[in-house]
Amino acid sequence: MDTVHLDVAQGSALLDAPAHLSDYRTILDRTEELSLSPSDTRDLVCSIVAEL
């Protein structure tokens, strides 16, 4: 990751400082660790739809 693009109230911002990029890499890595697999996501969505 070389830059982070943010949409903010005042427009957009690009972050490219190593410290900022490191923070966002950490956040993305953690999000990936906590995310369901595609198959588990599909099963979850199907179970929710079946309950409707």
PDB file of N, CA and C in Angstrom:
ATOM      1  N   MET A   1       0.859  -1.163   0.000  1.00  0.00           N
ATOM      2  CA  MET A   1       0.000   0.000   0.000  1.00  0.00           C
ATOM      3  C   MET A   1       0.907   1.228   0.000  1.00  0.00           C
ATOM      4  N   ASP A   2       0.695   2.091  -0.995  1.00  0.00           N
ATOM      5  CA  ASP A   2       1.518   3.294  -1.099  1.00  0.00           C
ATOM      6  C   ASP A   2       0.803   4.541  -0.612  1.00  0.00           C
ATOM      7  N   THR A   3      -0.527   4.537  -0.736  1.00  0.00           N
ATOM      8  CA  THR A   3      -1.323   5.680  -0.280  1.00  0.00           C
ATOM      9  C   THR A   3      -2.662   5.186   0.261  1.00  0.00           C
ATOM     10  N   VAL A   4      -3.259   6.026   1.086  1.00  0.00           N
ATOM     11  CA  VAL A   4      -4.619   5.789   1.581  1.00  0.00           C
ATOM     12  C   VAL A   4      -5.451   6.972   1.129  1.00  0.00           C
ATOM     13  N   HIS A   5      -6.574   6.698   0.487  1.00  0.00           N
ATOM     14  CA  HIS A   5      -7.480   7.748   0.026  1.00  0.00           C
ATOM     15  C   HIS A   5      -8.655   7.806   0.986  1.00  0.00           C
ATOM     16  N   LEU A   6      -8.904   8.982   1.557  1.00  0.00           N
ATOM     17  CA  LEU A   6     -10.012   9.179   2.478  1.00  0.00           C
ATOM     18  C   LEU A   6     -11.002  10.171   1.897  1.00  0.00           C
ATOM     19  N   ASP A   7     -12.284   9.863   1.996  1.00  0.00           N
ATOM     20  CA  ASP A   7     -13.326  10.829   1.675  1.00  0.00           C
ATOM     21  C   ASP A   7     -13.757  11.462   2.986  1.00  0.00           C
ATOM     22  N   VAL A   8     -13.584  12.759   3.076  1.00  0.00           N
ATOM     23  CA  VAL A   8     -13.923  13.491   4.293  1.00  0.00           C
ATOM     24  C   VAL A   8     -14.885  14.619   3.942  1.00  0.00           C
ATOM     25  N   ALA A   9     -15.481  15.221   4.950  1.00  0.00           N
ATOM     26  CA  ALA A   9     -16.486  16.268   4.732  1.00  0.00           C
ATOM     27  C   ALA A   9     -15.951  17.403   3.855  1.00  0.00           C
ATOM     28  N   GLN A  10     -14.684  17.715   3.970  1.00  0.00           N
ATOM     29  CA  GLN A  10     -14.095  18.821   3.213  1.00  0.00           C
ATOM     30  C   GLN A  10     -13.611  18.404   1.829  1.00  0.00           C
ATOM     31  N   GLY A  11     -13.793  17.158   1.450  1.00  0.00           N
ATOM     32  CA  GLY A  11     -13.318  16.681   0.153  1.00  0.00           C
ATOM     33  C   GLY A  11     -12.634  15.336   0.314  1.00  0.00           C
ATOM     34  N   SER A  12     -11.455  15.216  -0.237  1.00  0.00           N
ATOM     35  CA  SER A  12     -10.722  13.965  -0.097  1.00  0.00           C
ATOM     36  C   SER A  12      -9.309  14.259   0.402  1.00  0.00           C
ATOM     37  N   ALA A  13      -8.704  13.227   0.940  1.00  0.00           N
ATOM     38  CA  ALA A  13      -7.341  13.364   1.448  1.00  0.00           C
ATOM     39  C   ALA A  13      -6.556  12.114   1.057  1.00  0.00           C
ATOM     40  N   LEU A  14      -5.313  12.302   0.723  1.00  0.00           N
ATOM     41  CA  LEU A  14      -4.404  11.195   0.435  1.00  0.00           C
ATOM     42  C   LEU A  14      -3.338  11.169   1.519  1.00  0.00           C
ATOM     43  N   LEU A  15      -3.183  10.025   2.143  1.00  0.00           N
ATOM     44  CA  LEU A  15      -2.158   9.856   3.162  1.00  0.00           C
ATOM     45  C   LEU A  15      -1.054   8.984   2.593  1.00  0.00           C
ATOM     46  N   ASP A  16       0.182   9.420   2.763  1.00  0.00           N
ATOM     47  CA  ASP A  16       1.293   8.614   2.269  1.00  0.00           C
ATOM     48  C   ASP A  16       2.453   8.536   3.252  1.00  0.00           C
ATOM     49  N   ALA A  17       2.278   9.097   4.447  1.00  0.00           N
ATOM     50  CA  ALA A  17       3.329   9.026   5.460  1.00  0.00           C
ATOM     51  C   ALA A  17       3.448   7.588   5.974  1.00  0.00           C
ATOM     52  N   PRO A  18       4.657   7.111   6.142  1.00  0.00           N
ATOM     53  CA  PRO A  18       4.842   5.728   6.600  1.00  0.00           C
ATOM     54  C   PRO A  18       4.052   5.379   7.863  1.00  0.00           C
ATOM     55  N   ALA A  19       3.975   6.278   8.828  1.00  0.00           N
ATOM     56  CA  ALA A  19       3.238   5.991  10.069  1.00  0.00           C
ATOM     57  C   ALA A  19       1.754   5.809   9.793  1.00  0.00           C
ATOM     58  N   HIS A  20       1.179   6.664   8.939  1.00  0.00           N
ATOM     59  CA  HIS A  20      -0.238   6.526   8.592  1.00  0.00           C
ATOM     60  C   HIS A  20      -0.491   5.220   7.851  1.00  0.00           C
ATOM     61  N   LEU A  21       0.385   4.899   6.896  1.00  0.00           N
ATOM     62  CA  LEU A  21       0.214   3.671   6.125  1.00  0.00           C
ATOM     63  C   LEU A  21       0.317   2.447   7.023  1.00  0.00           C
ATOM     64  N   SER A  22       1.207   2.494   7.973  1.00  0.00           N
ATOM     65  CA  SER A  22       1.355   1.380   8.910  1.00  0.00           C
ATOM     66  C   SER A  22       0.075   1.183   9.717  1.00  0.00           C
ATOM     67  N   ASP A  23      -0.518   2.291  10.168  1.00  0.00           N
ATOM     68  CA  ASP A  23      -1.776   2.212  10.921  1.00  0.00           C
ATOM     69  C   ASP A  23      -2.873   1.569  10.083  1.00  0.00           C
ATOM     70  N   TYR A  24      -2.998   1.980   8.839  1.00  0.00           N
ATOM     71  CA  TYR A  24      -4.044   1.435   7.975  1.00  0.00           C
ATOM     72  C   TYR A  24      -3.772  -0.012   7.595  1.00  0.00           C
ATOM     73  N   ARG A  25      -2.504  -0.377   7.413  1.00  0.00           N
ATOM     74  CA  ARG A  25      -2.169  -1.786   7.161  1.00  0.00           C
ATOM     75  C   ARG A  25      -2.602  -2.650   8.343  1.00  0.00           C
ATOM     76  N   THR A  26      -2.349  -2.157   9.551  1.00  0.00           N
ATOM     77  CA  THR A  26      -2.743  -2.888  10.762  1.00  0.00           C
ATOM     78  C   THR A  26      -4.250  -3.061  10.816  1.00  0.00           C
ATOM     79  N   ILE A  27      -4.976  -1.999  10.514  1.00  0.00           N
ATOM     80  CA  ILE A  27      -6.442  -2.051  10.528  1.00  0.00           C
ATOM     81  C   ILE A  27      -6.944  -3.048   9.481  1.00  0.00           C
ATOM     82  N   LEU A  28      -6.404  -2.988   8.281  1.00  0.00           N
ATOM     83  CA  LEU A  28      -6.841  -3.899   7.223  1.00  0.00           C
ATOM     84  C   LEU A  28      -6.486  -5.351   7.542  1.00  0.00           C
ATOM     85  N   ASP A  29      -5.317  -5.566   8.102  1.00  0.00           N
ATOM     86  CA  ASP A  29      -4.930  -6.927   8.482  1.00  0.00           C
ATOM     87  C   ASP A  29      -5.874  -7.484   9.534  1.00  0.00           C
ATOM     88  N   ARG A  30      -6.206  -6.671  10.509  1.00  0.00           N
ATOM     89  CA  ARG A  30      -7.111  -7.123  11.586  1.00  0.00           C
ATOM     90  C   ARG A  30      -8.506  -7.382  11.034  1.00  0.00           C
ATOM     91  N   THR A  31      -8.973  -6.527  10.145  1.00  0.00           N
ATOM     92  CA  THR A  31     -10.285  -6.711   9.526  1.00  0.00           C
ATOM     93  C   THR A  31     -10.324  -8.027   8.759  1.00  0.00           C
ATOM     94  N   GLU A  32      -9.262  -8.309   8.028  1.00  0.00           N
ATOM     95  CA  GLU A  32      -9.188  -9.561   7.273  1.00  0.00           C
ATOM     96  C   GLU A  32      -9.210 -10.773   8.208  1.00  0.00           C
ATOM     97  N   GLU A  33      -8.509 -10.667   9.329  1.00  0.00           N
ATOM     98  CA  GLU A  33      -8.488 -11.766  10.299  1.00  0.00           C
ATOM     99  C   GLU A  33      -9.879 -12.047  10.870  1.00  0.00           C
ATOM    100  N   LEU A  34     -10.664 -10.991  11.073  1.00  0.00           N
ATOM    101  CA  LEU A  34     -11.976 -11.123  11.710  1.00  0.00           C
ATOM    102  C   LEU A  34     -13.103 -11.429  10.725  1.00  0.00           C
ATOM    103  N   SER A  35     -12.838 -11.278   9.440  1.00  0.00           N
ATOM    104  CA  SER A  35     -13.872 -11.453   8.426  1.00  0.00           C
ATOM    105  C   SER A  35     -14.198 -12.926   8.208  1.00  0.00           C
ATOM    106  N   LEU A  36     -15.452 -13.165   7.860  1.00  0.00           N
ATOM    107  CA  LEU A  36     -15.869 -14.511   7.476  1.00  0.00           C
ATOM    108  C   LEU A  36     -15.304 -14.850   6.105  1.00  0.00           C
ATOM    109  N   SER A  37     -15.146 -16.114   5.855  1.00  0.00           N
ATOM    110  CA  SER A  37     -14.735 -16.559   4.523  1.00  0.00           C
ATOM    111  C   SER A  37     -15.897 -16.310   3.557  1.00  0.00           C
ATOM    112  N   PRO A  38     -15.647 -16.309   2.254  1.00  0.00           N
ATOM    113  CA  PRO A  38     -16.747 -16.137   1.297  1.00  0.00           C
ATOM    114  C   PRO A  38     -17.855 -17.178   1.504  1.00  0.00           C
ATOM    115  N   SER A  39     -17.474 -18.410   1.748  1.00  0.00           N
ATOM    116  CA  SER A  39     -18.471 -19.464   1.955  1.00  0.00           C
ATOM    117  C   SER A  39     -19.283 -19.223   3.225  1.00  0.00           C
ATOM    118  N   ASP A  40     -18.606 -18.854   4.304  1.00  0.00           N
ATOM    119  CA  ASP A  40     -19.317 -18.575   5.560  1.00  0.00           C
ATOM    120  C   ASP A  40     -20.207 -17.342   5.431  1.00  0.00           C
ATOM    121  N   THR A  41     -19.759 -16.360   4.679  1.00  0.00           N
ATOM    122  CA  THR A  41     -20.580 -15.166   4.447  1.00  0.00           C
ATOM    123  C   THR A  41     -21.846 -15.534   3.691  1.00  0.00           C
ATOM    124  N   ARG A  42     -21.698 -16.336   2.643  1.00  0.00           N
ATOM    125  CA  ARG A  42     -22.846 -16.784   1.859  1.00  0.00           C
ATOM    126  C   ARG A  42     -23.832 -17.545   2.750  1.00  0.00           C
ATOM    127  N   ASP A  43     -23.316 -18.439   3.600  1.00  0.00           N
ATOM    128  CA  ASP A  43     -24.181 -19.199   4.505  1.00  0.00           C
ATOM    129  C   ASP A  43     -24.909 -18.273   5.472  1.00  0.00           C
ATOM    130  N   LEU A  44     -24.217 -17.285   6.002  1.00  0.00           N
ATOM    131  CA  LEU A  44     -24.839 -16.342   6.923  1.00  0.00           C
ATOM    132  C   LEU A  44     -25.956 -15.565   6.240  1.00  0.00           C
ATOM    133  N   VAL A  45     -25.689 -15.050   5.056  1.00  0.00           N
ATOM    134  CA  VAL A  45     -26.700 -14.297   4.319  1.00  0.00           C
ATOM    135  C   VAL A  45     -27.907 -15.183   4.007  1.00  0.00           C
ATOM    136  N   CYS A  46     -27.657 -16.393   3.580  1.00  0.00           N
ATOM    137  CA  CYS A  46     -28.759 -17.314   3.281  1.00  0.00           C
ATOM    138  C   CYS A  46     -29.590 -17.606   4.519  1.00  0.00           C
ATOM    139  N   SER A  47     -28.957 -17.771   5.669  1.00  0.00           N
ATOM    140  CA  SER A  47     -29.712 -18.043   6.889  1.00  0.00           C
ATOM    141  C   SER A  47     -30.536 -16.834   7.314  1.00  0.00           C
ATOM    142  N   ILE A  48     -30.008 -15.634   7.098  1.00  0.00           N
ATOM    143  CA  ILE A  48     -30.770 -14.427   7.422  1.00  0.00           C
ATOM    144  C   ILE A  48     -31.978 -14.297   6.500  1.00  0.00           C
ATOM    145  N   VAL A  49     -31.769 -14.533   5.209  1.00  0.00           N
ATOM    146  CA  VAL A  49     -32.862 -14.458   4.233  1.00  0.00           C
ATOM    147  C   VAL A  49     -33.940 -15.492   4.578  1.00  0.00           C
ATOM    148  N   ALA A  50     -33.536 -16.674   4.988  1.00  0.00           N
ATOM    149  CA  ALA A  50     -34.500 -17.731   5.318  1.00  0.00           C
ATOM    150  C   ALA A  50     -35.351 -17.357   6.524  1.00  0.00           C
ATOM    151  N   GLU A  51     -34.829 -16.508   7.385  1.00  0.00           N
ATOM    152  CA  GLU A  51     -35.576 -16.081   8.573  1.00  0.00           C
ATOM    153  C   GLU A  51     -36.569 -14.964   8.258  1.00  0.00           C
ATOM    154  N   LEU A  52     -36.482 -14.352   7.115  1.00  0.00           N
ATOM    155  CA  LEU A  52     -37.366 -13.224   6.776  1.00  0.00           C
ATOM    156  C   LEU A  52     -38.740 -13.670   6.390  1.00  0.00           C
TER     157      LEU A  52
END
